[in-house]
Amino acid sequence: MFDDILNSFFGGGGAGGARTHRQPQPGPERGADLRYDLGITFEEAAFGTKKSIKVPRSETCSDCKGTGAAPGTEVEICPECHGMGQKQTVRQMGFMRMQTLETCNRCHGAGKIPKTPCSHCHGDGKIKVTREVQVTIPRGVDNGTRLRIAGGGQAGERGGQPGDLFVYINIKPHQIFKRNGNDVYCEVPISFVQAALGADVDTPTIDGKIELKVPAGTQSGTVLKIKGKGIPFMRGEGRGDELVTIKVLTPRNLTDRQKKLLEQFEEDIDDQRVHPEKKSFLDKLKSFFS
């Protein structure tokens, strides 16, 4: 143990530095993972879809099976690292010598190089390709959902397994709907007459148009719930809800006749019966100034 510590400082075995240790060659190494950002529509996220994407990646050369040698030829010991797959660098730091090991940049850690390089991969053992990958997007995915495609990443080193491909979902904004979890939100404008008398109003949902019953006396900002018209759950059955915010529109550019009718209507209404909120506000106002 003490000799190993001295060896790391002085580059030899013990104080005399007479003994050296042959480092084992690196074994198979798993390939790097890849990331792909995929944009989909609001409806595709809700109900699921299938997408075809093109992914550039490295793969093990099919001609040489990753050895880098031309078929029928042999490999030889790397002259750069002498078959160790690593190179030793020694630095003098005062009275100490620090040694570090780095992967050989000629054989990439294999310890061997081809006598005759493969013409397909030029001796690298890997080739660069662009693969078309089919991605199945489940219903109910949300922004940032990560889908894993096993083995879809970069080729491994020295016979190692390839990495994985991770597809990150980005949902494009919708012109009508917004989303919070599995609930869908939208705003529906109605006239003040519809709000006062009540009406069946055409309302969009992600399934299509429906008629929403707006009760008489509905105020602007009222939220009405449509059960089961939200985003399907990714796991299990069921869906969220749609929450509709009612926006009562105030008419503009009235004719003289329309203005007189509204003035007559304002004179005829009973503030306490039709507008209890207004009476409550006036009572508070009177109390404030008294």
C-alpha atoms as a PDB file:
ATOM      1  CA  MET A   1       0.000   0.000   0.000  1.00  0.00           C
ATOM      2  CA  PHE A   2       2.786   2.418   0.982  1.00  0.00           C
ATOM      3  CA  ASP A   3       4.673   1.479  -2.191  1.00  0.00           C
ATOM      4  CA  ASP A   4       1.599   2.341  -4.261  1.00  0.00           C
ATOM      5  CA  ILE A   5       1.407   5.763  -2.647  1.00  0.00           C
ATOM      6  CA  LEU A   6       5.093   6.373  -3.319  1.00  0.00           C
ATOM      7  CA  ASN A   7       4.621   5.152  -6.855  1.00  0.00           C
ATOM      8  CA  SER A   8       1.900   7.740  -7.489  1.00  0.00           C
ATOM      9  CA  PHE A   9       4.254  10.518  -6.311  1.00  0.00           C
ATOM     10  CA  PHE A  10       7.626   9.371  -7.610  1.00  0.00           C
ATOM     11  CA  GLY A  11       6.698   7.258 -10.644  1.00  0.00           C
ATOM     12  CA  GLY A  12       8.323   4.041  -9.352  1.00  0.00           C
ATOM     13  CA  GLY A  13       7.976   1.294  -6.770  1.00  0.00           C
ATOM     14  CA  GLY A  14       8.925   2.436  -3.249  1.00  0.00           C
ATOM     15  CA  ALA A  15      11.631   4.988  -2.625  1.00  0.00           C
ATOM     16  CA  GLY A  16      13.967   3.505  -5.212  1.00  0.00           C
ATOM     17  CA  GLY A  17      11.473   3.723  -8.060  1.00  0.00           C
ATOM     18  CA  ALA A  18      12.638   0.393  -9.464  1.00  0.00           C
ATOM     19  CA  ARG A  19       9.249  -1.264  -9.814  1.00  0.00           C
ATOM     20  CA  THR A  20       6.562  -0.321 -12.366  1.00  0.00           C
ATOM     21  CA  HIS A  21       2.967  -1.459 -12.699  1.00  0.00           C
ATOM     22  CA  ARG A  22       1.386  -2.204 -16.052  1.00  0.00           C
ATOM     23  CA  GLN A  23      -2.009  -0.551 -16.147  1.00  0.00           C
ATOM     24  CA  PRO A  24      -4.881  -2.733 -17.347  1.00  0.00           C
ATOM     25  CA  GLN A  25      -6.350  -1.816 -20.697  1.00  0.00           C
ATOM     26  CA  PRO A  26      -9.733  -0.072 -20.582  1.00  0.00           C
ATOM     27  CA  GLY A  27     -12.688  -2.372 -21.163  1.00  0.00           C
ATOM     28  CA  PRO A  28     -15.868  -1.762 -23.161  1.00  0.00           C
ATOM     29  CA  GLU A  29     -17.354   1.692 -22.661  1.00  0.00           C
ATOM     30  CA  ARG A  30     -20.999   2.621 -23.134  1.00  0.00           C
ATOM     31  CA  GLY A  31     -21.745   5.216 -25.817  1.00  0.00           C
ATOM     32  CA  ALA A  32     -22.924   8.736 -25.062  1.00  0.00           C
ATOM     33  CA  ASP A  33     -26.631   9.574 -24.776  1.00  0.00           C
ATOM     34  CA  LEU A  34     -28.267  11.896 -27.302  1.00  0.00           C
ATOM     35  CA  ARG A  35     -30.954  14.557 -26.848  1.00  0.00           C
ATOM     36  CA  TYR A  36     -33.605  15.557 -29.375  1.00  0.00           C
ATOM     37  CA  ASP A  37     -36.080  18.423 -28.790  1.00  0.00           C
ATOM     38  CA  LEU A  38     -39.399  17.711 -30.512  1.00  0.00           C
ATOM     39  CA  GLY A  39     -42.135  20.307 -30.978  1.00  0.00           C
ATOM     40  CA  ILE A  40     -45.749  19.096 -31.143  1.00  0.00           C
ATOM     41  CA  THR A  41     -49.180  20.739 -31.178  1.00  0.00           C
ATOM     42  CA  PHE A  42     -51.528  21.156 -28.226  1.00  0.00           C
ATOM     43  CA  GLU A  43     -53.891  18.505 -29.623  1.00  0.00           C
ATOM     44  CA  GLU A  44     -51.061  16.044 -30.328  1.00  0.00           C
ATOM     45  CA  ALA A  45     -49.960  16.348 -26.717  1.00  0.00           C
ATOM     46  CA  ALA A  46     -53.507  15.754 -25.522  1.00  0.00           C
ATOM     47  CA  PHE A  47     -54.372  12.700 -27.599  1.00  0.00           C
ATOM     48  CA  GLY A  48     -50.953  11.280 -28.512  1.00  0.00           C
ATOM     49  CA  THR A  49     -49.394  10.809 -31.921  1.00  0.00           C
ATOM     50  CA  LYS A  50     -46.500   9.238 -33.808  1.00  0.00           C
ATOM     51  CA  LYS A  51     -43.634  11.268 -35.207  1.00  0.00           C
ATOM     52  CA  SER A  52     -40.755  10.424 -37.531  1.00  0.00           C
ATOM     53  CA  ILE A  53     -37.514  12.221 -36.629  1.00  0.00           C
ATOM     54  CA  LYS A  54     -34.021  12.169 -38.160  1.00  0.00           C
ATOM     55  CA  VAL A  55     -31.184  11.726 -35.705  1.00  0.00           C
ATOM     56  CA  PRO A  56     -27.456  12.053 -36.614  1.00  0.00           C
ATOM     57  CA  ARG A  57     -25.379   9.570 -34.617  1.00  0.00           C
ATOM     58  CA  SER A  58     -22.332   7.320 -34.755  1.00  0.00           C
ATOM     59  CA  GLU A  59     -22.653   3.555 -35.225  1.00  0.00           C
ATOM     60  CA  THR A  60     -20.254   0.639 -35.121  1.00  0.00           C
ATOM     61  CA  CYS A  61     -18.868   0.024 -38.608  1.00  0.00           C
ATOM     62  CA  SER A  62     -20.633  -2.985 -40.136  1.00  0.00           C
ATOM     63  CA  ASP A  63     -17.644  -3.885 -42.349  1.00  0.00           C
ATOM     64  CA  CYS A  64     -14.959  -4.194 -39.672  1.00  0.00           C
ATOM     65  CA  LYS A  65     -17.282  -4.785 -36.665  1.00  0.00           C
ATOM     66  CA  GLY A  66     -15.652  -1.886 -34.858  1.00  0.00           C
ATOM     67  CA  THR A  67     -12.028  -3.059 -35.093  1.00  0.00           C
ATOM     68  CA  GLY A  68     -11.054  -0.417 -37.642  1.00  0.00           C
ATOM     69  CA  ALA A  69      -9.172  -3.048 -39.655  1.00  0.00           C
ATOM     70  CA  ALA A  70      -9.992  -3.943 -43.225  1.00  0.00           C
ATOM     71  CA  PRO A  71     -11.786  -7.320 -43.486  1.00  0.00           C
ATOM     72  CA  GLY A  72      -9.300 -10.191 -43.574  1.00  0.00           C
ATOM     73  CA  THR A  73      -6.444  -8.138 -42.092  1.00  0.00           C
ATOM     74  CA  GLU A  74      -5.001  -8.073 -38.582  1.00  0.00           C
ATOM     75  CA  VAL A  75      -4.411  -5.494 -35.928  1.00  0.00           C
ATOM     76  CA  GLU A  76      -1.060  -4.708 -34.306  1.00  0.00           C
ATOM     77  CA  ILE A  77       0.155  -3.263 -31.037  1.00  0.00           C
ATOM     78  CA  CYS A  78      -0.167   0.502 -30.937  1.00  0.00           C
ATOM     79  CA  PRO A  79       3.344   1.982 -31.165  1.00  0.00           C
ATOM     80  CA  GLU A  80       2.247   5.109 -29.330  1.00  0.00           C
ATOM     81  CA  CYS A  81       1.189   3.467 -26.063  1.00  0.00           C
ATOM     82  CA  HIS A  82       2.824   0.046 -26.633  1.00  0.00           C
ATOM     83  CA  GLY A  83      -0.488  -1.751 -26.230  1.00  0.00           C
ATOM     84  CA  MET A  84      -1.411  -0.242 -22.880  1.00  0.00           C
ATOM     85  CA  GLY A  85      -4.206   1.952 -24.274  1.00  0.00           C
ATOM     86  CA  GLN A  86      -2.961   4.735 -22.027  1.00  0.00           C
ATOM     87  CA  LYS A  87      -0.068   7.157 -21.984  1.00  0.00           C
ATOM     88  CA  GLN A  88       1.764   8.239 -18.879  1.00  0.00           C
ATOM     89  CA  THR A  89       2.616  11.872 -18.326  1.00  0.00           C
ATOM     90  CA  VAL A  90       5.094  12.822 -15.602  1.00  0.00           C
ATOM     91  CA  ARG A  91       5.369  16.310 -14.143  1.00  0.00           C
ATOM     92  CA  GLN A  92       7.974  17.506 -11.655  1.00  0.00           C
ATOM     93  CA  MET A  93       6.493  19.521  -8.788  1.00  0.00           C
ATOM     94  CA  GLY A  94       9.325  20.591  -6.506  1.00  0.00           C
ATOM     95  CA  PHE A  95      10.841  17.424  -5.033  1.00  0.00           C
ATOM     96  CA  MET A  96       7.841  15.351  -6.153  1.00  0.00           C
ATOM     97  CA  ARG A  97       7.063  13.775  -9.495  1.00  0.00           C
ATOM     98  CA  MET A  98       3.332  13.564 -10.385  1.00  0.00           C
ATOM     99  CA  GLN A  99       2.247  11.056 -12.989  1.00  0.00           C
ATOM    100  CA  THR A 100      -1.101  10.939 -14.760  1.00  0.00           C
ATOM    101  CA  LEU A 101      -2.548   8.439 -17.202  1.00  0.00           C
ATOM    102  CA  GLU A 102      -4.476   9.543 -20.286  1.00  0.00           C
ATOM    103  CA  THR A 103      -6.220   7.527 -22.959  1.00  0.00           C
ATOM    104  CA  CYS A 104      -4.006   7.108 -25.998  1.00  0.00           C
ATOM    105  CA  ASN A 105      -5.219   9.428 -28.741  1.00  0.00           C
ATOM    106  CA  ARG A 106      -3.979   7.139 -31.510  1.00  0.00           C
ATOM    107  CA  CYS A 107      -5.694   3.852 -30.595  1.00  0.00           C
ATOM    108  CA  HIS A 108      -8.396   5.512 -28.433  1.00  0.00           C
ATOM    109  CA  GLY A 109      -7.650   3.171 -25.566  1.00  0.00           C
ATOM    110  CA  ALA A 110      -7.847  -0.080 -27.525  1.00  0.00           C
ATOM    111  CA  GLY A 111      -4.091  -0.738 -27.338  1.00  0.00           C
ATOM    112  CA  LYS A 112      -4.169  -1.938 -30.947  1.00  0.00           C
ATOM    113  CA  ILE A 113      -4.377  -0.334 -34.364  1.00  0.00           C
ATOM    114  CA  PRO A 114      -5.213  -1.890 -37.740  1.00  0.00           C
ATOM    115  CA  LYS A 115      -2.388  -2.734 -40.103  1.00  0.00           C
ATOM    116  CA  THR A 116      -4.701  -1.943 -42.984  1.00  0.00           C
ATOM    117  CA  PRO A 117      -7.464   0.559 -42.075  1.00  0.00           C
ATOM    118  CA  CYS A 118     -11.043  -0.298 -43.030  1.00  0.00           C
ATOM    119  CA  SER A 119     -12.014   1.607 -46.161  1.00  0.00           C
ATOM    120  CA  HIS A 120     -15.565   2.091 -44.895  1.00  0.00           C
ATOM    121  CA  CYS A 121     -14.763   3.819 -41.597  1.00  0.00           C
ATOM    122  CA  HIS A 122     -11.135   4.771 -42.399  1.00  0.00           C
ATOM    123  CA  GLY A 123      -9.889   2.837 -39.385  1.00  0.00           C
ATOM    124  CA  ASP A 124     -12.084   4.611 -36.829  1.00  0.00           C
ATOM    125  CA  GLY A 125     -14.346   1.604 -36.197  1.00  0.00           C
ATOM    126  CA  LYS A 126     -17.402   3.879 -36.317  1.00  0.00           C
ATOM    127  CA  ILE A 127     -19.326   5.684 -39.025  1.00  0.00           C
ATOM    128  CA  LYS A 128     -21.566   8.770 -38.914  1.00  0.00           C
ATOM    129  CA  VAL A 129     -25.113   8.184 -40.089  1.00  0.00           C
ATOM    130  CA  THR A 130     -28.514   9.870 -39.919  1.00  0.00           C
ATOM    131  CA  ARG A 131     -31.244   7.485 -38.846  1.00  0.00           C
ATOM    132  CA  GLU A 132     -34.998   7.949 -39.166  1.00  0.00           C
ATOM    133  CA  VAL A 133     -36.546   7.092 -35.815  1.00  0.00           C
ATOM    134  CA  GLN A 134     -40.244   6.524 -35.113  1.00  0.00           C
ATOM    135  CA  VAL A 135     -41.322   8.116 -31.831  1.00  0.00           C
ATOM    136  CA  THR A 136     -44.609   7.131 -30.172  1.00  0.00           C
ATOM    137  CA  ILE A 137     -45.912  10.036 -28.077  1.00  0.00           C
ATOM    138  CA  PRO A 138     -48.439   8.912 -25.461  1.00  0.00           C
ATOM    139  CA  ARG A 139     -51.572  10.907 -24.725  1.00  0.00           C
ATOM    140  CA  GLY A 140     -51.397  13.492 -21.976  1.00  0.00           C
ATOM    141  CA  VAL A 141     -47.693  14.402 -22.295  1.00  0.00           C
ATOM    142  CA  ASP A 142     -46.747  17.815 -20.924  1.00  0.00           C
ATOM    143  CA  ASN A 143     -43.982  20.298 -21.652  1.00  0.00           C
ATOM    144  CA  GLY A 144     -40.607  18.835 -20.760  1.00  0.00           C
ATOM    145  CA  THR A 145     -41.760  15.212 -20.818  1.00  0.00           C
ATOM    146  CA  ARG A 146     -38.757  12.988 -21.605  1.00  0.00           C
ATOM    147  CA  LEU A 147     -39.166   9.883 -23.747  1.00  0.00           C
ATOM    148  CA  ARG A 148     -36.350   7.306 -23.743  1.00  0.00           C
ATOM    149  CA  ILE A 149     -35.406   5.259 -26.801  1.00  0.00           C
ATOM    150  CA  ALA A 150     -33.005   2.554 -25.649  1.00  0.00           C
ATOM    151  CA  GLY A 151     -29.906   2.124 -27.818  1.00  0.00           C
ATOM    152  CA  GLY A 152     -30.667   5.203 -29.907  1.00  0.00           C
ATOM    153  CA  GLY A 153     -27.541   7.109 -28.815  1.00  0.00           C
ATOM    154  CA  GLN A 154     -23.906   7.094 -29.889  1.00  0.00           C
ATOM    155  CA  ALA A 155     -22.005   3.861 -30.529  1.00  0.00           C
ATOM    156  CA  GLY A 156     -19.978   2.468 -27.628  1.00  0.00           C
ATOM    157  CA  GLU A 157     -16.200   2.241 -27.409  1.00  0.00           C
ATOM    158  CA  ARG A 158     -14.291  -1.045 -27.621  1.00  0.00           C
ATOM    159  CA  GLY A 159     -17.427  -3.139 -28.061  1.00  0.00           C
ATOM    160  CA  GLY A 160     -19.487  -1.261 -25.488  1.00  0.00           C
ATOM    161  CA  GLN A 161     -23.267  -0.831 -25.731  1.00  0.00           C
ATOM    162  CA  PRO A 162     -24.673   2.248 -27.489  1.00  0.00           C
ATOM    163  CA  GLY A 163     -26.132   5.075 -25.440  1.00  0.00           C
ATOM    164  CA  ASP A 164     -29.803   6.054 -25.365  1.00  0.00           C
ATOM    165  CA  LEU A 165     -31.784   8.695 -27.225  1.00  0.00           C
ATOM    166  CA  PHE A 166     -33.881  11.034 -25.076  1.00  0.00           C
ATOM    167  CA  VAL A 167     -36.683  12.941 -26.807  1.00  0.00           C
ATOM    168  CA  TYR A 168     -37.818  16.075 -24.935  1.00  0.00           C
ATOM    169  CA  ILE A 169     -41.349  17.284 -25.694  1.00  0.00           C
ATOM    170  CA  ASN A 170     -42.017  20.988 -26.385  1.00  0.00           C
ATOM    171  CA  ILE A 171     -45.704  21.885 -26.821  1.00  0.00           C
ATOM    172  CA  LYS A 172     -46.457  24.787 -29.154  1.00  0.00           C
ATOM    173  CA  PRO A 173     -48.736  27.549 -27.744  1.00  0.00           C
ATOM    174  CA  HIS A 174     -52.431  27.317 -28.747  1.00  0.00           C
ATOM    175  CA  GLN A 175     -54.392  30.327 -29.966  1.00  0.00           C
ATOM    176  CA  ILE A 176     -57.427  29.468 -27.807  1.00  0.00           C
ATOM    177  CA  PHE A 177     -56.480  27.028 -25.052  1.00  0.00           C
ATOM    178  CA  LYS A 178     -54.076  27.106 -22.141  1.00  0.00           C
ATOM    179  CA  ARG A 179     -53.181  24.228 -19.879  1.00  0.00           C
ATOM    180  CA  ASN A 180     -52.499  23.679 -16.202  1.00  0.00           C
ATOM    181  CA  GLY A 181     -51.824  20.046 -15.397  1.00  0.00           C
ATOM    182  CA  ASN A 182     -54.654  18.109 -17.025  1.00  0.00           C
ATOM    183  CA  ASP A 183     -57.117  20.998 -17.004  1.00  0.00           C
ATOM    184  CA  VAL A 184     -57.741  23.165 -20.071  1.00  0.00           C
ATOM    185  CA  TYR A 185     -58.578  26.882 -19.830  1.00  0.00           C
ATOM    186  CA  CYS A 186     -60.209  29.193 -22.355  1.00  0.00           C
ATOM    187  CA  GLU A 187     -62.102  32.495 -22.460  1.00  0.00           C
ATOM    188  CA  VAL A 188     -65.499  32.904 -24.149  1.00  0.00           C
ATOM    189  CA  PRO A 189     -66.923  36.393 -24.901  1.00  0.00           C
ATOM    190  CA  ILE A 190     -70.692  36.965 -24.680  1.00  0.00           C
ATOM    191  CA  SER A 191     -72.937  40.018 -24.965  1.00  0.00           C
ATOM    192  CA  PHE A 192     -74.376  41.738 -21.887  1.00  0.00           C
ATOM    193  CA  VAL A 193     -77.855  40.678 -23.065  1.00  0.00           C
ATOM    194  CA  GLN A 194     -76.769  37.005 -23.115  1.00  0.00           C
ATOM    195  CA  ALA A 195     -75.242  37.469 -19.677  1.00  0.00           C
ATOM    196  CA  ALA A 196     -78.426  39.054 -18.288  1.00  0.00           C
ATOM    197  CA  LEU A 197     -80.960  36.679 -19.846  1.00  0.00           C
ATOM    198  CA  GLY A 198     -78.874  33.515 -20.076  1.00  0.00           C
ATOM    199  CA  ALA A 199     -78.026  31.711 -23.314  1.00  0.00           C
ATOM    200  CA  ASP A 200     -76.599  28.584 -24.915  1.00  0.00           C
ATOM    201  CA  VAL A 201     -73.202  29.693 -26.238  1.00  0.00           C
ATOM    202  CA  ASP A 202     -71.005  27.920 -28.805  1.00  0.00           C
ATOM    203  CA  THR A 203     -67.851  26.970 -26.889  1.00  0.00           C
ATOM    204  CA  PRO A 204     -64.646  25.348 -28.214  1.00  0.00           C
ATOM    205  CA  THR A 205     -63.192  22.226 -26.613  1.00  0.00           C
ATOM    206  CA  ILE A 206     -60.257  20.070 -27.689  1.00  0.00           C
ATOM    207  CA  ASP A 207     -62.872  17.544 -28.882  1.00  0.00           C
ATOM    208  CA  GLY A 208     -64.777  20.075 -30.962  1.00  0.00           C
ATOM    209  CA  LYS A 209     -67.513  22.689 -30.500  1.00  0.00           C
ATOM    210  CA  ILE A 210     -70.272  22.250 -27.892  1.00  0.00           C
ATOM    211  CA  GLU A 211     -73.119  24.421 -26.547  1.00  0.00           C
ATOM    212  CA  LEU A 212     -72.430  25.751 -23.051  1.00  0.00           C
ATOM    213  CA  LYS A 213     -75.399  26.834 -20.948  1.00  0.00           C
ATOM    214  CA  VAL A 214     -74.690  30.275 -19.466  1.00  0.00           C
ATOM    215  CA  PRO A 215     -77.100  30.998 -16.574  1.00  0.00           C
ATOM    216  CA  ALA A 216     -79.072  34.260 -16.456  1.00  0.00           C
ATOM    217  CA  GLY A 217     -77.309  36.982 -14.489  1.00  0.00           C
ATOM    218  CA  THR A 218     -73.804  35.662 -15.186  1.00  0.00           C
ATOM    219  CA  GLN A 219     -71.143  38.251 -14.367  1.00  0.00           C
ATOM    220  CA  SER A 220     -67.964  38.897 -16.327  1.00  0.00           C
ATOM    221  CA  GLY A 221     -65.129  36.744 -14.981  1.00  0.00           C
ATOM    222  CA  THR A 222     -67.413  33.884 -13.941  1.00  0.00           C
ATOM    223  CA  VAL A 223     -65.740  30.489 -14.468  1.00  0.00           C
ATOM    224  CA  LEU A 224     -67.884  27.609 -15.722  1.00  0.00           C
ATOM    225  CA  LYS A 225     -66.619  24.021 -15.617  1.00  0.00           C
ATOM    226  CA  ILE A 226     -67.100  21.433 -18.357  1.00  0.00           C
ATOM    227  CA  LYS A 227     -66.403  18.055 -16.785  1.00  0.00           C
ATOM    228  CA  GLY A 228     -64.156  15.606 -18.600  1.00  0.00           C
ATOM    229  CA  LYS A 229     -63.173  17.892 -21.481  1.00  0.00           C
ATOM    230  CA  GLY A 230     -59.578  18.407 -20.373  1.00  0.00           C
ATOM    231  CA  ILE A 231     -56.331  16.538 -21.098  1.00  0.00           C
ATOM    232  CA  PRO A 232     -56.357  12.731 -20.769  1.00  0.00           C
ATOM    233  CA  PHE A 233     -54.192  11.324 -17.980  1.00  0.00           C
ATOM    234  CA  MET A 234     -50.955   9.690 -19.127  1.00  0.00           C
ATOM    235  CA  ARG A 235     -51.465   6.776 -16.738  1.00  0.00           C
ATOM    236  CA  GLY A 236     -54.846   5.231 -16.130  1.00  0.00           C
ATOM    237  CA  GLU A 237     -58.238   6.365 -17.343  1.00  0.00           C
ATOM    238  CA  GLY A 238     -59.976   9.705 -17.098  1.00  0.00           C
ATOM    239  CA  ARG A 239     -59.400  13.294 -18.137  1.00  0.00           C
ATOM    240  CA  GLY A 240     -59.147  16.717 -16.614  1.00  0.00           C
ATOM    241  CA  ASP A 241     -61.800  19.419 -16.983  1.00  0.00           C
ATOM    242  CA  GLU A 242     -62.227  22.494 -19.144  1.00  0.00           C
ATOM    243  CA  LEU A 243     -62.621  25.760 -17.265  1.00  0.00           C
ATOM    244  CA  VAL A 244     -64.335  28.518 -19.258  1.00  0.00           C
ATOM    245  CA  THR A 245     -63.976  32.135 -18.163  1.00  0.00           C
ATOM    246  CA  ILE A 246     -66.951  34.237 -19.282  1.00  0.00           C
ATOM    247  CA  LYS A 247     -66.075  37.682 -20.619  1.00  0.00           C
ATOM    248  CA  VAL A 248     -69.068  40.027 -20.873  1.00  0.00           C
ATOM    249  CA  LEU A 249     -68.555  42.497 -23.719  1.00  0.00           C
ATOM    250  CA  THR A 250     -69.574  46.140 -23.321  1.00  0.00           C
ATOM    251  CA  PRO A 251     -71.141  47.481 -26.549  1.00  0.00           C
ATOM    252  CA  ARG A 252     -69.419  50.351 -28.329  1.00  0.00           C
ATOM    253  CA  ASN A 253     -70.395  52.812 -31.092  1.00  0.00           C
ATOM    254  CA  LEU A 254     -74.070  52.872 -30.037  1.00  0.00           C
ATOM    255  CA  THR A 255     -76.689  54.717 -32.092  1.00  0.00           C
ATOM    256  CA  ASP A 256     -78.791  57.470 -30.491  1.00  0.00           C
ATOM    257  CA  ARG A 257     -81.774  55.095 -30.314  1.00  0.00           C
ATOM    258  CA  GLN A 258     -79.710  52.416 -28.573  1.00  0.00           C
ATOM    259  CA  LYS A 259     -78.385  54.962 -26.066  1.00  0.00           C
ATOM    260  CA  LYS A 260     -81.927  56.110 -25.198  1.00  0.00           C
ATOM    261  CA  LEU A 261     -83.086  52.511 -24.749  1.00  0.00           C
ATOM    262  CA  LEU A 262     -80.207  51.814 -22.371  1.00  0.00           C
ATOM    263  CA  GLU A 263     -80.876  55.017 -20.439  1.00  0.00           C
ATOM    264  CA  GLN A 264     -84.531  54.010 -20.099  1.00  0.00           C
ATOM    265  CA  PHE A 265     -83.460  50.538 -18.951  1.00  0.00           C
ATOM    266  CA  GLU A 266     -81.133  52.056 -16.321  1.00  0.00           C
ATOM    267  CA  GLU A 267     -84.029  54.182 -14.956  1.00  0.00           C
ATOM    268  CA  ASP A 268     -86.406  51.229 -14.774  1.00  0.00           C
ATOM    269  CA  ILE A 269     -84.222  48.647 -13.010  1.00  0.00           C
ATOM    270  CA  ASP A 270     -84.367  48.021  -9.263  1.00  0.00           C
ATOM    271  CA  ASP A 271     -80.770  48.308  -8.049  1.00  0.00           C
ATOM    272  CA  GLN A 272     -81.407  46.166  -4.985  1.00  0.00           C
ATOM    273  CA  ARG A 273     -83.044  43.326  -6.923  1.00  0.00           C
ATOM    274  CA  VAL A 274     -80.974  43.277 -10.089  1.00  0.00           C
ATOM    275  CA  HIS A 275     -77.607  44.443  -8.725  1.00  0.00           C
ATOM    276  CA  PRO A 276     -77.168  43.407  -5.073  1.00  0.00           C
ATOM    277  CA  GLU A 277     -73.403  43.896  -5.422  1.00  0.00           C
ATOM    278  CA  LYS A 278     -73.963  47.531  -6.337  1.00  0.00           C
ATOM    279  CA  LYS A 279     -76.204  48.092  -3.295  1.00  0.00           C
ATOM    280  CA  SER A 280     -73.594  46.511  -1.040  1.00  0.00           C
ATOM    281  CA  PHE A 281     -70.908  48.794  -2.489  1.00  0.00           C
ATOM    282  CA  LEU A 282     -73.050  51.926  -2.059  1.00  0.00           C
ATOM    283  CA  ASP A 283     -73.814  50.981   1.556  1.00  0.00           C
ATOM    284  CA  LYS A 284     -70.075  50.595   2.245  1.00  0.00           C
ATOM    285  CA  LEU A 285     -69.362  53.884   0.491  1.00  0.00           C
ATOM    286  CA  LYS A 286     -71.983  55.708   2.565  1.00  0.00           C
ATOM    287  CA  SER A 287     -70.538  54.236   5.763  1.00  0.00           C
ATOM    288  CA  PHE A 288     -67.010  55.249   4.725  1.00  0.00           C
ATOM    289  CA  PHE A 289     -67.879  58.927   4.209  1.00  0.00           C
ATOM    290  CA  SER A 290     -70.232  59.259   7.225  1.00  0.00           C
END
